[in-house]
Amino acid sequence: MTRRRPHLISVDVGGTLGTAEGPGLTMRLTAASPLPAQQAREIMRDRLHTQPSLGDAVVADVCEALQVAPADFPRDLPPAPLTLFPGTMDALRMLSEVATVVTLSNVTCADADTDGLRRRTAPWVSDFFPSCRIGYAKPDRRAFHAVAEHCAVDPAHILHIGDDWACDVVGAVNAGVGAVWISRGRPTPEPDLIVDHRVLVVEDLSAAAQHVQALSRMEENP
């Protein structure tokens, strides 16, 4: 990330703001598929997470790609409740003092609970961009650009915060967006990328908010 104050801050949801209580559609399909878990998740990211509804054609396409029988496709699942991590609300408040805050997440329309998330994160989060709404999933640069276009902000003035290296860091960098990686103690996959693109590495969202606030104050008081 640069030391320039962002005009917009996008944050991932699952793994960044909190964790889902119980398996959702993606996790159930990953378990049902004979494919390696990473391959199954990548298929769903492109074919399932970007769909605004789950009609028969979508289900058939996803099942064929995952090698899952259509009869085994879970239907009418309620969204798994999201438990916010300790300190999430204070962190969102701090970030909102720096710039407008929105969410950008990869989630199926069956698992998305935008109304519930809006209630849980009010008044600090201004808008919500699940992949099933915008039609693109991270790390596709079009996901970041869709948010930029909707919010009328240049991608260079956006800062994205998330815990998934490929989706939240590599995706943001390729889209021309600043990135903050929530590592939770994990080793850095690509140290050179961090140096070359000034990616901030932090333990959790609270640490990210403190760093972002501090850097913004440095800009105000050079």
Protein backbone atom coordinates (compact mmCIF):
# COMPACT_ATOMS: atom_id res chain seq x y z
CA MET A 1 0.00 0.00 0.00
CA THR A 2 1.08 3.58 -0.48
CA ARG A 3 1.15 6.23 2.18
CA ARG A 4 -1.55 8.10 0.27
CA ARG A 5 -4.84 8.32 2.13
CA PRO A 6 -7.36 6.00 0.42
CA HIS A 7 -10.70 7.32 -0.82
CA LEU A 8 -12.34 3.93 -0.36
CA ILE A 9 -11.54 0.91 1.80
CA SER A 10 -12.91 -2.49 0.81
CA VAL A 11 -12.80 -5.37 3.27
CA ASP A 12 -13.26 -9.08 2.80
CA VAL A 13 -15.89 -10.77 5.00
CA GLY A 14 -15.24 -14.43 5.83
CA GLY A 15 -11.91 -14.80 7.61
CA THR A 16 -11.51 -11.02 7.86
CA LEU A 17 -14.57 -9.68 9.69
CA GLY A 18 -15.54 -13.00 11.22
CA THR A 19 -16.21 -16.66 10.61
CA ALA A 20 -19.33 -18.56 9.58
CA GLU A 21 -20.96 -20.83 12.15
CA GLY A 22 -21.25 -24.09 10.28
CA PRO A 23 -20.75 -25.20 6.67
CA GLY A 24 -22.29 -23.22 3.85
CA LEU A 25 -23.00 -24.28 0.27
CA THR A 26 -19.38 -23.95 -0.88
CA MET A 27 -18.03 -26.08 1.94
CA ARG A 28 -20.69 -28.76 1.43
CA LEU A 29 -20.00 -28.99 -2.30
CA THR A 30 -16.25 -29.10 -1.71
CA ALA A 31 -16.77 -32.08 0.58
CA ALA A 32 -19.10 -33.79 -1.92
CA SER A 33 -16.76 -33.39 -4.90
CA PRO A 34 -14.04 -35.98 -5.61
CA LEU A 35 -11.80 -33.20 -6.93
CA PRO A 36 -9.00 -31.70 -4.82
CA ALA A 37 -10.45 -29.05 -2.51
CA GLN A 38 -8.51 -26.17 -4.08
CA GLN A 39 -9.63 -27.15 -7.58
CA ALA A 40 -13.25 -27.45 -6.45
CA ARG A 41 -13.13 -24.01 -4.83
CA GLU A 42 -11.68 -22.45 -7.98
CA ILE A 43 -14.45 -23.97 -10.09
CA MET A 44 -17.10 -22.63 -7.75
CA ARG A 45 -15.48 -19.22 -7.64
CA ASP A 46 -16.01 -18.86 -11.38
CA ARG A 47 -19.26 -20.77 -11.92
CA LEU A 48 -21.18 -20.49 -8.66
CA HIS A 49 -20.11 -17.45 -6.67
CA THR A 50 -20.84 -15.10 -9.57
CA GLN A 51 -24.44 -16.23 -10.06
CA PRO A 52 -27.32 -14.07 -8.76
CA SER A 53 -29.63 -17.10 -8.52
CA LEU A 54 -29.35 -20.88 -8.57
CA GLY A 55 -31.53 -22.10 -11.41
CA ASP A 56 -31.44 -25.61 -12.82
CA ALA A 57 -28.95 -24.66 -15.54
CA VAL A 58 -26.49 -23.23 -13.00
CA VAL A 59 -26.84 -26.26 -10.75
CA ALA A 60 -26.30 -28.65 -13.65
CA ASP A 61 -23.21 -26.78 -14.85
CA VAL A 62 -21.65 -26.65 -11.38
CA CYS A 63 -22.43 -30.28 -10.65
CA GLU A 64 -20.91 -31.42 -13.93
CA ALA A 65 -17.72 -29.44 -13.28
CA LEU A 66 -17.46 -30.72 -9.70
CA GLN A 67 -18.42 -34.29 -10.64
CA VAL A 68 -21.30 -34.20 -8.18
CA ALA A 69 -24.71 -35.70 -8.86
CA PRO A 70 -27.37 -32.97 -9.22
CA ALA A 71 -29.46 -34.79 -6.62
CA ASP A 72 -26.63 -34.19 -4.12
CA PHE A 73 -26.63 -30.43 -4.67
CA PRO A 74 -27.74 -28.86 -1.35
CA ARG A 75 -30.84 -26.70 -1.82
CA ASP A 76 -32.69 -24.24 0.38
CA LEU A 77 -29.80 -23.89 2.79
CA PRO A 78 -30.09 -20.93 5.17
CA PRO A 79 -27.01 -18.70 5.31
CA ALA A 80 -24.62 -19.79 8.05
CA PRO A 81 -24.58 -17.11 10.78
CA LEU A 82 -21.45 -14.97 10.85
CA THR A 83 -19.65 -14.56 14.17
CA LEU A 84 -17.61 -11.37 14.16
CA PHE A 85 -14.08 -11.58 15.48
CA PRO A 86 -13.34 -9.63 18.67
CA GLY A 87 -12.48 -6.04 17.83
CA THR A 88 -14.12 -6.06 14.38
CA MET A 89 -16.59 -3.28 15.09
CA ASP A 90 -13.95 -1.00 16.61
CA ALA A 91 -11.71 -1.69 13.62
CA LEU A 92 -14.48 -0.81 11.17
CA ARG A 93 -15.15 2.39 13.08
CA MET A 94 -11.48 3.36 12.86
CA LEU A 95 -11.34 2.58 9.14
CA SER A 96 -14.50 4.62 8.51
CA GLU A 97 -12.74 7.63 10.03
CA VAL A 98 -10.18 7.35 7.23
CA ALA A 99 -12.42 6.61 4.22
CA THR A 100 -15.72 5.13 3.12
CA VAL A 101 -15.80 1.41 3.96
CA VAL A 102 -17.48 -1.30 1.85
CA THR A 103 -17.24 -5.07 1.75
CA LEU A 104 -16.02 -7.13 -1.22
CA SER A 105 -16.46 -10.86 -0.79
CA ASN A 106 -16.67 -14.14 -2.69
CA VAL A 107 -19.94 -15.75 -1.67
CA THR A 108 -22.79 -17.68 -3.25
CA CYS A 109 -26.25 -16.17 -3.37
CA ALA A 110 -27.34 -18.98 -1.03
CA ASP A 111 -24.76 -18.01 1.58
CA ALA A 112 -24.92 -14.23 1.23
CA ASP A 113 -26.80 -12.50 4.03
CA THR A 114 -26.36 -8.89 3.06
CA ASP A 115 -29.21 -7.59 5.19
CA GLY A 116 -27.87 -9.37 8.24
CA LEU A 117 -24.35 -8.14 7.57
CA ARG A 118 -25.65 -4.61 7.13
CA ARG A 119 -27.32 -4.75 10.52
CA ARG A 120 -24.25 -6.25 12.17
CA THR A 121 -21.80 -3.68 10.80
CA ALA A 122 -23.91 -0.51 10.94
CA PRO A 123 -23.14 2.34 10.84
CA TRP A 124 -19.52 1.85 9.77
CA VAL A 125 -19.94 -0.04 6.47
CA SER A 126 -21.59 1.92 3.65
CA ASP A 127 -22.21 -0.75 0.99
CA PHE A 128 -21.82 -4.44 0.30
CA PHE A 129 -20.45 -6.12 -2.82
CA PRO A 130 -20.76 -9.91 -2.69
CA SER A 131 -19.62 -11.64 -5.86
CA CYS A 132 -23.16 -12.87 -6.50
CA ARG A 133 -24.23 -9.21 -6.77
CA ILE A 134 -21.48 -7.87 -9.03
CA GLY A 135 -20.99 -10.96 -11.20
CA TYR A 136 -17.26 -11.28 -10.61
CA ALA A 137 -15.24 -13.03 -7.92
CA LYS A 138 -11.82 -12.18 -6.57
CA PRO A 139 -9.04 -12.48 -7.71
CA ASP A 140 -10.62 -11.38 -11.01
CA ARG A 141 -9.60 -7.74 -11.38
CA ARG A 142 -13.09 -7.02 -12.65
CA ALA A 143 -14.43 -7.60 -9.14
CA PHE A 144 -12.31 -4.73 -7.81
CA HIS A 145 -13.06 -2.56 -10.82
CA ALA A 146 -16.81 -3.14 -10.43
CA VAL A 147 -16.61 -1.72 -6.92
CA ALA A 148 -14.47 1.17 -8.12
CA GLU A 149 -16.96 2.00 -10.87
CA HIS A 150 -19.98 1.75 -8.60
CA CYS A 151 -18.35 4.01 -6.00
CA ALA A 152 -16.86 6.36 -8.63
CA VAL A 153 -13.36 5.94 -7.22
CA ASP A 154 -10.14 5.35 -9.16
CA PRO A 155 -8.75 1.87 -8.30
CA ALA A 156 -5.47 3.54 -7.38
CA HIS A 157 -7.31 5.27 -4.51
CA ILE A 158 -8.78 2.05 -3.08
CA LEU A 159 -7.29 0.00 -0.27
CA HIS A 160 -8.43 -3.62 0.06
CA ILE A 161 -8.06 -5.65 3.26
CA GLY A 162 -8.40 -9.43 3.35
CA ASP A 163 -6.99 -12.72 4.57
CA ASP A 164 -6.80 -14.75 1.33
CA TRP A 165 -3.42 -14.27 -0.36
CA ALA A 166 -4.51 -15.09 -3.91
CA CYS A 167 -7.91 -13.41 -3.83
CA ASP A 168 -7.28 -10.41 -1.61
CA VAL A 169 -3.63 -9.57 -2.22
CA VAL A 170 -2.67 -10.84 -5.67
CA GLY A 171 -6.11 -9.93 -7.01
CA ALA A 172 -5.94 -6.41 -5.58
CA VAL A 173 -2.39 -5.81 -6.85
CA ASN A 174 -3.30 -6.96 -10.35
CA ALA A 175 -6.29 -4.62 -10.29
CA GLY A 176 -4.13 -1.63 -9.33
CA VAL A 177 -5.57 -1.53 -5.82
CA GLY A 178 -3.59 -1.18 -2.60
CA ALA A 179 -3.56 -4.29 -0.42
CA VAL A 180 -3.40 -5.24 3.24
CA TRP A 181 -2.95 -8.92 4.04
CA ILE A 182 -4.31 -10.34 7.30
CA SER A 183 -1.79 -13.09 7.91
CA ARG A 184 -2.89 -14.43 11.31
CA GLY A 185 0.69 -15.59 11.76
CA ARG A 186 1.01 -17.41 8.43
CA PRO A 187 4.27 -17.10 6.46
CA THR A 188 4.27 -14.75 3.50
CA PRO A 189 3.83 -16.68 0.23
CA GLU A 190 5.61 -14.12 -1.98
CA PRO A 191 7.95 -11.75 -0.11
CA ASP A 192 8.97 -9.99 -3.33
CA LEU A 193 5.36 -9.02 -4.06
CA ILE A 194 5.09 -7.43 -0.62
CA VAL A 195 8.18 -5.34 -1.22
CA ASP A 196 7.43 -4.43 -4.83
CA HIS A 197 3.83 -3.38 -4.16
CA ARG A 198 4.17 -2.19 -0.56
CA VAL A 199 1.64 -4.69 0.76
CA LEU A 200 1.00 -4.20 4.46
CA VAL A 201 1.05 -7.44 6.47
CA VAL A 202 -0.85 -7.46 9.77
CA GLU A 203 -2.13 -9.98 12.26
CA ASP A 204 -5.82 -9.05 12.14
CA LEU A 205 -8.32 -6.35 11.19
CA SER A 206 -7.68 -4.38 14.36
CA ALA A 207 -3.98 -4.12 13.54
CA ALA A 208 -4.85 -3.16 9.96
CA ALA A 209 -7.10 -0.34 11.16
CA GLN A 210 -4.43 0.99 13.51
CA HIS A 211 -1.80 1.03 10.75
CA VAL A 212 -4.14 2.63 8.20
CA GLN A 213 -5.10 5.35 10.67
CA ALA A 214 -1.48 5.99 11.57
CA LEU A 215 -0.37 6.27 7.95
CA SER A 216 -3.25 8.61 7.18
CA ARG A 217 -2.26 10.85 10.07
CA MET A 218 1.32 10.90 8.80
CA GLU A 219 -0.01 12.23 5.49
CA GLU A 220 -2.01 14.91 7.28
CA ASN A 221 0.98 15.89 9.41
CA PRO A 222 4.11 15.20 7.30
